[in-house]
Protein backbone atom coordinates (compact mmCIF):
# COMPACT_ATOMS: atom_id res chain seq x y z
CA MET A 1 50.48 -42.77 107.99
CA GLN A 2 47.57 -45.05 107.12
CA VAL A 3 48.27 -48.61 106.01
CA ASN A 4 46.14 -49.53 102.99
CA GLU A 5 44.80 -53.04 102.54
CA ILE A 6 44.62 -54.62 99.10
CA GLU A 7 43.78 -58.13 97.91
CA TYR A 8 44.95 -60.30 95.03
CA GLN A 9 43.55 -63.81 94.47
CA ASN A 10 42.22 -63.89 98.05
CA PHE A 11 45.54 -62.93 99.64
CA LYS A 12 45.50 -59.73 101.66
CA TYR A 13 48.53 -57.48 101.65
CA TYR A 14 49.34 -53.87 102.48
CA TYR A 15 51.02 -50.68 101.36
CA ARG A 16 51.60 -47.07 102.36
CA ILE A 17 51.70 -44.22 99.91
CA TYR A 18 53.26 -40.86 100.72
CA LYS A 19 51.85 -38.55 98.05
CA ASN A 20 53.83 -35.53 96.93
CA ASP A 21 53.32 -33.27 93.92
CA ASN A 22 57.01 -32.39 93.96
CA GLU A 23 58.57 -33.72 90.74
CA GLU A 24 62.20 -33.65 91.82
CA LEU A 25 62.24 -37.41 91.14
CA ASP A 26 59.85 -39.88 89.55
CA PRO A 27 57.58 -41.64 92.08
CA ILE A 28 59.49 -44.32 93.96
CA PHE A 29 58.27 -47.86 94.69
CA PHE A 30 60.37 -49.91 97.15
CA ILE A 31 60.42 -53.73 96.92
CA SER A 32 61.99 -55.17 100.07
CA GLY A 33 64.22 -58.17 100.73
CA ALA A 34 63.36 -61.49 102.36
CA PHE A 35 63.77 -60.42 106.01
CA GLN A 36 62.21 -57.03 105.49
CA ASN A 37 58.84 -55.29 105.65
CA MET A 38 57.54 -51.90 104.59
CA ASP A 39 59.33 -50.25 107.52
CA SER A 40 62.75 -51.78 106.90
CA TRP A 41 63.85 -49.03 104.52
CA ARG A 42 62.30 -46.23 106.62
CA LEU A 43 65.58 -44.38 107.16
CA ILE A 44 66.07 -44.18 103.39
CA SER A 45 62.48 -43.97 102.16
CA ASN A 46 61.73 -41.13 104.61
CA HIS A 47 64.46 -39.08 102.97
CA PHE A 48 62.54 -39.14 99.67
CA ILE A 49 58.99 -38.38 100.82
CA SER A 50 59.73 -34.65 100.66
CA LYS A 51 61.01 -35.02 97.10
CA THR A 52 58.46 -37.28 95.39
CA THR A 53 55.63 -39.74 95.93
CA VAL A 54 56.88 -42.88 97.72
CA VAL A 55 55.20 -46.29 98.02
CA VAL A 56 56.31 -49.03 100.42
CA ALA A 57 54.59 -52.41 100.65
CA ASP A 58 54.23 -55.68 102.48
CA LEU A 59 53.62 -58.01 99.55
CA PRO A 60 52.00 -61.43 100.12
CA GLY A 61 54.24 -63.47 102.38
CA MET A 62 55.92 -60.38 103.87
CA GLY A 63 55.40 -58.31 107.02
CA LEU A 64 51.72 -57.74 107.82
CA ALA A 65 50.53 -59.55 104.68
CA ASP A 66 48.96 -62.99 104.53
CA TYR A 67 51.17 -66.07 104.49
CA LEU A 68 51.91 -67.12 100.91
CA PRO A 69 52.58 -70.82 100.21
CA GLU A 70 55.79 -71.51 98.33
CA ASP A 71 53.98 -72.92 95.30
CA TYR A 72 52.94 -69.35 94.44
CA ASP A 73 55.97 -68.21 92.47
CA THR A 74 57.53 -64.81 92.00
CA ASP A 75 55.36 -64.17 88.93
CA PHE A 76 52.41 -64.05 91.32
CA LEU A 77 54.19 -61.37 93.36
CA VAL A 78 54.88 -59.36 90.20
CA GLU A 79 51.12 -59.19 89.65
CA ALA A 80 50.65 -58.13 93.28
CA VAL A 81 53.01 -55.19 92.66
CA TYR A 82 51.16 -54.30 89.45
CA LYS A 83 47.83 -54.22 91.30
CA ILE A 84 49.18 -51.66 93.79
CA LEU A 85 50.46 -49.41 91.01
CA GLU A 86 47.10 -49.64 89.26
CA GLU A 87 45.24 -48.81 92.47
CA VAL A 88 47.34 -45.72 93.19
CA SER A 89 47.47 -44.72 89.48
CA LEU A 90 51.22 -44.40 89.20
CA GLU A 91 53.18 -44.38 85.94
CA ASN A 92 56.86 -43.82 85.15
CA VAL A 93 57.88 -45.35 88.46
CA TYR A 94 61.42 -45.29 89.83
CA MET A 95 61.50 -48.88 91.10
CA ILE A 96 64.00 -49.72 93.84
CA SER A 97 64.38 -53.37 94.81
CA ALA A 98 66.79 -55.18 97.11
CA SER A 99 68.02 -58.77 97.48
CA TYR A 100 65.04 -61.18 97.26
CA GLY A 101 63.04 -58.27 95.85
CA THR A 102 65.37 -57.84 92.85
CA ILE A 103 63.85 -60.93 91.24
CA LEU A 104 60.46 -59.21 91.36
CA GLY A 105 61.90 -55.89 90.19
CA TYR A 106 63.59 -57.44 87.16
CA LYS A 107 60.59 -59.60 86.23
CA PHE A 108 58.25 -56.64 86.62
CA ALA A 109 60.44 -54.58 84.29
CA LYS A 110 60.34 -57.34 81.68
CA LYS A 111 56.57 -57.70 81.79
CA TYR A 112 55.53 -54.08 82.37
CA PRO A 113 58.37 -51.89 81.02
CA GLU A 114 55.90 -49.09 80.30
CA LYS A 115 55.36 -48.68 84.05
CA ILE A 116 59.00 -48.04 84.93
CA SER A 117 61.24 -45.09 84.13
CA ILE A 118 64.43 -46.38 85.81
CA MET A 119 65.19 -49.14 88.30
CA VAL A 120 67.63 -50.25 90.97
CA LEU A 121 68.62 -53.86 91.65
CA ALA A 122 70.54 -53.72 94.92
CA GLY A 123 72.24 -57.00 95.79
CA THR A 124 71.22 -59.37 93.00
CA MET A 125 72.37 -62.48 91.12
CA LYS A 126 71.39 -64.59 88.14
CA GLU A 127 70.92 -67.77 90.19
CA LEU A 128 71.74 -69.35 93.53
CA SER A 129 75.06 -71.15 93.83
CA GLN A 130 74.98 -74.65 95.28
CA GLN A 131 76.76 -73.34 98.38
CA LEU A 132 74.09 -70.72 98.88
CA LYS A 133 71.32 -73.27 98.31
CA ASP A 134 72.86 -75.47 100.99
CA ARG A 135 72.97 -72.53 103.40
CA ILE A 136 69.33 -71.66 102.73
CA ILE A 137 68.28 -75.28 103.23
CA GLY A 138 70.20 -75.26 106.51
CA SER A 139 68.41 -72.09 107.63
CA ILE A 140 65.03 -73.66 106.80
CA ASP A 141 65.89 -76.69 108.95
CA VAL A 142 66.83 -74.43 111.86
CA ALA A 143 63.72 -72.26 111.38
CA LYS A 144 61.44 -75.29 111.52
CA LYS A 145 62.81 -76.14 114.96
CA GLY A 146 61.44 -72.84 116.24
CA GLU A 147 64.58 -71.95 118.20
CA THR A 148 64.82 -68.27 117.38
CA GLN A 149 68.23 -67.66 118.99
CA GLU A 150 69.74 -70.54 117.04
CA PHE A 151 68.02 -69.32 113.88
CA ALA A 152 69.39 -65.79 114.28
CA ALA A 153 72.93 -67.07 114.89
CA TYR A 154 72.77 -69.36 111.86
CA VAL A 155 71.50 -66.69 109.48
CA LEU A 156 74.04 -64.08 110.60
CA LYS A 157 76.90 -66.57 110.29
CA ASN A 158 75.88 -68.02 106.94
CA GLY A 159 75.78 -65.26 104.40
CA LEU A 160 73.76 -62.28 105.60
CA MET A 161 76.87 -60.53 106.93
CA TYR A 162 80.58 -60.60 106.13
CA ASP A 163 82.09 -63.30 108.35
CA GLY A 164 85.80 -62.43 108.39
CA LYS A 165 87.62 -61.98 111.69
CA ASP A 166 88.42 -58.42 110.63
CA ALA A 167 84.74 -57.55 110.06
CA ASP A 168 84.66 -54.81 112.67
CA GLU A 169 87.56 -53.08 110.90
CA LYS A 170 86.24 -53.49 107.36
CA ILE A 171 82.48 -52.98 107.79
CA ASN A 172 80.98 -49.69 108.94
CA LYS A 173 78.76 -50.05 112.04
CA PHE A 174 79.35 -53.82 111.97
CA LYS A 175 78.77 -54.52 115.68
CA PHE A 176 75.74 -52.24 115.82
CA VAL A 177 74.10 -53.74 112.71
CA LYS A 178 74.81 -57.29 113.87
CA ARG A 179 73.25 -56.52 117.25
CA VAL A 180 70.14 -55.00 115.61
CA LEU A 181 69.72 -57.93 113.20
CA ASN A 182 70.26 -60.48 115.94
CA LYS A 183 67.56 -58.81 118.04
CA GLN A 184 65.16 -58.71 115.10
CA LEU A 185 65.68 -62.34 114.05
CA SER A 186 65.63 -63.62 117.63
CA ALA A 187 62.21 -62.04 118.07
CA PHE A 188 60.61 -63.82 115.11
CA ASN A 189 57.21 -65.28 115.99
CA LYS A 190 55.73 -68.41 114.41
CA SER A 191 54.04 -66.45 111.64
CA GLU A 192 57.31 -64.76 110.68
CA MET A 193 59.16 -68.07 110.77
CA ASP A 194 56.52 -69.70 108.57
CA LYS A 195 56.80 -66.84 106.07
CA TYR A 196 60.58 -67.11 106.07
CA VAL A 197 60.43 -70.84 105.34
CA SER A 198 57.91 -70.36 102.53
CA ASN A 199 59.80 -67.45 100.97
CA SER A 200 63.07 -69.39 101.16
CA LYS A 201 61.53 -72.42 99.46
CA ARG A 202 60.14 -70.10 96.77
CA LEU A 203 63.65 -68.80 96.21
CA LEU A 204 65.05 -72.35 95.98
CA ASN A 205 62.38 -73.21 93.41
CA GLU A 206 63.14 -70.14 91.30
CA SER A 207 64.59 -70.73 87.85
CA PRO A 208 67.75 -68.82 86.84
CA ILE A 209 67.08 -65.29 85.60
CA ASP A 210 66.08 -65.19 81.93
CA PHE A 211 68.09 -62.64 79.95
CA ILE A 212 66.08 -63.10 76.76
CA ASP A 213 64.47 -59.83 75.61
CA VAL A 214 65.85 -57.89 78.57
CA PRO A 215 64.20 -54.51 79.17
CA SER A 216 66.05 -51.43 77.92
CA ILE A 217 65.28 -49.57 81.17
CA LYS A 218 68.26 -47.76 82.65
CA THR A 219 69.32 -49.80 85.68
CA LEU A 220 71.62 -49.24 88.65
CA ILE A 221 73.09 -52.38 90.20
CA PHE A 222 75.25 -52.29 93.33
CA THR A 223 76.09 -54.04 96.56
CA GLY A 224 78.56 -53.80 99.43
CA GLU A 225 82.19 -54.53 98.54
CA TYR A 226 82.23 -57.35 101.12
CA ASP A 227 78.85 -58.87 100.28
CA VAL A 228 79.15 -62.67 100.61
CA LEU A 229 75.52 -63.37 99.67
CA THR A 230 75.08 -61.51 96.39
CA THR A 231 78.74 -60.89 95.71
CA PRO A 232 80.04 -57.90 93.75
CA GLU A 233 81.05 -60.24 90.93
CA SER A 234 77.55 -61.77 90.69
CA CYS A 235 76.06 -58.26 90.59
CA ARG A 236 78.56 -57.14 87.95
CA ASN A 237 77.80 -60.21 85.82
CA PHE A 238 74.09 -59.35 86.04
CA ALA A 239 74.79 -55.77 84.97
CA ARG A 240 76.74 -57.03 81.94
CA LYS A 241 73.61 -58.81 80.66
CA LEU A 242 71.47 -55.66 80.58
CA LYS A 243 71.09 -53.15 77.76
CA ASN A 244 71.73 -50.01 79.78
CA SER A 245 73.20 -50.48 83.25
CA ILE A 246 75.54 -48.96 85.79
CA PHE A 247 77.40 -51.07 88.34
CA THR A 248 79.28 -50.04 91.46
CA THR A 249 80.01 -51.12 95.03
CA ILE A 250 79.71 -49.43 98.40
CA LYS A 251 82.89 -49.50 100.43
CA HIS A 252 82.97 -50.72 104.03
CA ALA A 253 79.65 -52.58 103.61
CA ASP A 254 78.36 -56.11 102.99
CA HIS A 255 74.85 -57.25 102.05
CA LEU A 256 73.34 -54.94 104.68
CA PHE A 257 74.58 -51.77 102.96
CA HIS A 258 71.35 -49.87 103.67
CA LEU A 259 72.07 -50.10 107.40
CA GLU A 260 75.84 -49.80 107.29
CA GLN A 261 76.14 -46.97 104.74
CA PRO A 262 72.68 -45.33 104.45
CA THR A 263 74.10 -41.93 103.48
CA ILE A 264 75.89 -43.45 100.48
CA VAL A 265 72.78 -45.39 99.45
CA ILE A 266 70.68 -42.21 99.58
CA GLU A 267 73.26 -40.35 97.50
CA LEU A 268 73.32 -43.12 94.88
CA PHE A 269 69.51 -43.23 94.68
CA THR A 270 69.27 -39.44 94.43
CA ARG A 271 71.88 -38.96 91.75
CA PHE A 272 70.63 -41.92 89.71
CA GLY A 273 67.07 -40.63 89.98
CA LYS A 274 68.12 -37.20 88.73
CA GLY A 275 70.34 -38.55 85.97
CA ASP A 276 73.44 -37.02 87.58
CA ASN A 277 76.90 -38.60 87.48
CA PHE A 278 78.37 -40.35 90.53
CA ASP A 279 81.63 -38.39 90.64
CA GLY A 280 83.03 -37.74 94.07
CA ILE A 281 80.67 -39.91 96.15
CA GLU A 282 82.69 -40.83 99.21
CA ASN A 283 83.02 -44.58 99.84
CA CYS A 284 81.63 -45.45 96.43
CA GLY A 285 83.63 -47.90 94.30
CA GLU A 286 84.50 -47.69 90.63
CA ILE A 287 81.56 -46.79 88.36
CA GLU A 288 81.16 -49.22 85.45
CA PHE A 289 78.82 -48.72 82.51
CA PHE A 290 77.40 -51.52 80.39
CA LYS A 291 75.54 -51.09 77.09
CA ALA A 292 74.02 -53.61 74.72
CA SER A 293 76.28 -54.34 71.76
CA SER A 294 73.36 -54.18 69.35
């Protein structure tokens, strides 16, 4: 599949679009997390290309895209998403965002609600805790040293994965996922390290999420039951602030739920996209609904 180049304010970035006239679901746009690129959700995004149009992207500062200095904030990235949607002429988008990308997904929904039909915020929070800020600062210090093995070990130990001694019992595919992530992070080149540092500083500079005039878009929020980065409670608290949201957790998963429980993630995305209920999804936690009081 061809990679399409696009440019916004002199920064080049890229996307793929898998066009499909099937209207089983609204067209899906994936916004990836901090360590991800347009291929990171391939196992899941490939499931949907036979059901609807799917767009995946390397936004500025991600994957193949140009390096983006940290003084370009997330509002800049929102406009980069908007430019892709304008170029491919998509409306009523089913926007799926994860982790770092949830900031962009939420901000996009606030600014351009007419573009989105429904959205997913997978692994999100209102703001970084001081403990998490300290861990991110520590990872930046390690990244600047250029020791990729040390960097990988630090990141895996400090929040990306559940760190309990019983992890292999509680988390599905824990050893396999840890091995895959360690290999990926250990192979970071200088460009990828520079992008990580810049993206992390951008995250540290980000103001807490603004819940004034929240969009009324129906939103699914979830994470793994053992997520220590964007904890279930932080995700639930986010869901409470929205006008029309659903919150749940995925059992036997942490922050890397898309690798540990991809079948459950696909089922959640499919049912939410179709407006179906979540009854009987194996390894899915309690389903909680939140509505605006006025």
